[in-house]
Amino acid sequence: MLRTDWSRRLAALAAAVAVLAIALLIRALADGPLEQHSGTALYASMIYAGVFFLWPRATPLVAGTVAIAFCWLVELSQLTGVPAYLSERSLLARLALGVAYDPLDMLWYPVGVLPLVAVHLLLRRQRATA
């Protein structure tokens, strides 16, 4: 079982790196709403992968719920001004926490997670029937 957990963690890490590469590519090539909204959705996708890195035995539905809830909490925390303060002092904080609340982001987080949950459930179902 321990070996399976590590292989799941490595797969989650690889997925997060792939999503980050896609996000950076879009950022380099696009501008405006595509850059903004795709970045938001891909951030949520990375959080989904991160849940599996930290908790490899999570189910897709639980991981999706945790990822969306985490993203929403980070977004709502921007209403306090703390992320903006930290973002002024750290690029890492800016990338992880953002700067300003955007209610539209609350809709884009599920866009980044729900397709992954659906694909993950389909793959699990196929594996179970094989």
Protein backbone atom coordinates (compact mmCIF):
# COMPACT_ATOMS: atom_id res chain seq x y z
CA MET A 1 0.00 0.00 0.00
CA LEU A 2 2.88 2.38 0.76
CA ARG A 3 4.24 1.91 -2.77
CA THR A 4 0.85 2.80 -4.25
CA ASP A 5 0.71 5.98 -2.16
CA TRP A 6 4.11 7.08 -3.47
CA SER A 7 3.18 6.36 -7.07
CA ARG A 8 -0.01 8.39 -6.61
CA ARG A 9 2.01 11.22 -5.08
CA LEU A 10 4.44 11.19 -7.99
CA ALA A 11 1.54 11.21 -10.47
CA ALA A 12 -0.03 14.15 -8.63
CA LEU A 13 3.27 16.02 -8.65
CA ALA A 14 3.71 15.35 -12.39
CA ALA A 15 0.16 16.58 -13.02
CA ALA A 16 0.79 19.77 -11.03
CA VAL A 17 4.00 20.44 -12.97
CA ALA A 18 2.16 19.86 -16.28
CA VAL A 19 -0.62 22.25 -15.27
CA LEU A 20 1.95 24.85 -14.23
CA ALA A 21 3.69 24.51 -17.59
CA ILE A 22 0.38 25.00 -19.41
CA ALA A 23 -0.42 28.05 -17.28
CA LEU A 24 2.99 29.61 -17.98
CA LEU A 25 2.63 28.92 -21.69
CA ILE A 26 -0.80 30.57 -21.79
CA ARG A 27 0.57 33.50 -19.81
CA ALA A 28 3.43 33.92 -22.31
CA LEU A 29 1.19 33.72 -25.39
CA ALA A 30 -2.15 35.20 -24.32
CA ASP A 31 -3.36 38.43 -22.82
CA GLY A 32 -6.52 39.74 -21.24
CA PRO A 33 -9.43 37.56 -20.12
CA LEU A 34 -7.99 34.31 -21.50
CA GLU A 35 -4.84 34.80 -19.45
CA GLN A 36 -6.77 35.76 -16.31
CA HIS A 37 -9.50 33.12 -16.37
CA SER A 38 -7.35 30.24 -17.58
CA GLY A 39 -4.87 31.06 -14.83
CA THR A 40 -7.62 30.93 -12.24
CA ALA A 41 -8.94 27.59 -13.51
CA LEU A 42 -5.44 26.13 -13.77
CA TYR A 43 -4.60 27.32 -10.24
CA ALA A 44 -7.58 25.29 -9.03
CA SER A 45 -6.38 22.30 -11.09
CA MET A 46 -3.00 22.49 -9.37
CA ILE A 47 -4.70 22.57 -5.98
CA TYR A 48 -6.64 19.43 -6.98
CA ALA A 49 -3.36 17.69 -7.82
CA GLY A 50 -1.91 19.02 -4.56
CA VAL A 51 -4.68 17.38 -2.57
CA PHE A 52 -3.65 14.01 -4.01
CA PHE A 53 -0.01 14.73 -3.30
CA LEU A 54 -0.83 15.36 0.36
CA TRP A 55 -3.60 12.76 0.63
CA PRO A 56 -3.07 10.07 -2.03
CA ARG A 57 -6.02 7.94 -0.91
CA ALA A 58 -8.58 10.72 -1.32
CA THR A 59 -11.49 10.03 -3.62
CA PRO A 60 -11.98 12.34 -6.61
CA LEU A 61 -15.14 13.84 -5.10
CA VAL A 62 -13.45 14.58 -1.78
CA ALA A 63 -10.34 15.97 -3.48
CA GLY A 64 -12.50 18.15 -5.73
CA THR A 65 -14.49 19.47 -2.80
CA VAL A 66 -11.33 20.21 -0.82
CA ALA A 67 -9.68 21.92 -3.80
CA ILE A 68 -12.66 24.16 -4.56
CA ALA A 69 -13.19 25.00 -0.87
CA PHE A 70 -9.51 25.88 -0.48
CA CYS A 71 -9.60 28.13 -3.56
CA TRP A 72 -12.74 29.85 -2.34
CA LEU A 73 -11.19 30.41 1.09
CA VAL A 74 -8.08 31.93 -0.47
CA GLU A 75 -10.25 34.15 -2.68
CA LEU A 76 -12.42 35.26 0.24
CA SER A 77 -9.31 35.96 2.32
CA GLN A 78 -8.45 38.62 -0.25
CA LEU A 79 -11.30 40.68 1.19
CA THR A 80 -9.20 41.14 4.34
CA GLY A 81 -6.28 42.82 2.59
CA VAL A 82 -3.77 40.41 4.14
CA PRO A 83 -2.93 38.68 0.83
CA ALA A 84 -2.41 42.09 -0.83
CA TYR A 85 -0.06 43.10 1.98
CA LEU A 86 1.90 39.84 1.69
CA SER A 87 1.90 40.03 -2.11
CA GLU A 88 3.63 43.40 -2.00
CA ARG A 89 6.53 41.74 -0.21
CA SER A 90 6.73 38.33 -1.90
CA LEU A 91 6.26 37.04 -5.43
CA LEU A 92 5.49 33.61 -4.00
CA ALA A 93 2.70 35.07 -1.84
CA ARG A 94 1.37 36.94 -4.88
CA LEU A 95 1.24 33.72 -6.92
CA ALA A 96 -0.27 31.63 -4.13
CA LEU A 97 -2.67 34.12 -2.55
CA GLY A 98 -3.41 36.72 -5.22
CA VAL A 99 -3.99 40.37 -4.50
CA ALA A 100 -7.60 41.43 -4.87
CA TYR A 101 -10.95 39.70 -4.58
CA ASP A 102 -12.64 38.96 -7.89
CA PRO A 103 -16.11 37.41 -7.61
CA LEU A 104 -15.75 35.95 -11.11
CA ASP A 105 -12.86 33.83 -9.85
CA MET A 106 -15.30 32.03 -7.56
CA LEU A 107 -16.93 30.62 -10.72
CA TRP A 108 -13.66 29.74 -12.47
CA TYR A 109 -12.30 27.55 -9.67
CA PRO A 110 -14.90 24.81 -10.25
CA VAL A 111 -14.21 25.10 -14.00
CA GLY A 112 -10.64 24.03 -13.25
CA VAL A 113 -11.60 21.19 -10.91
CA LEU A 114 -14.88 19.61 -12.02
CA PRO A 115 -13.60 18.30 -15.39
CA LEU A 116 -10.69 16.66 -13.57
CA VAL A 117 -13.07 15.04 -11.09
CA ALA A 118 -15.21 13.71 -13.98
CA VAL A 119 -12.19 12.30 -15.86
CA HIS A 120 -10.79 10.81 -12.66
CA LEU A 121 -14.11 9.10 -11.89
CA LEU A 122 -14.32 7.72 -15.44
CA LEU A 123 -10.78 6.34 -15.24
CA ARG A 124 -11.50 4.72 -11.89
CA ARG A 125 -14.69 3.16 -13.24
CA GLN A 126 -12.83 1.80 -16.28
CA ARG A 127 -10.08 0.37 -14.07
CA ALA A 128 -12.67 -1.26 -11.80
CA THR A 129 -14.42 -2.99 -14.70
CA ALA A 130 -11.18 -4.16 -16.34
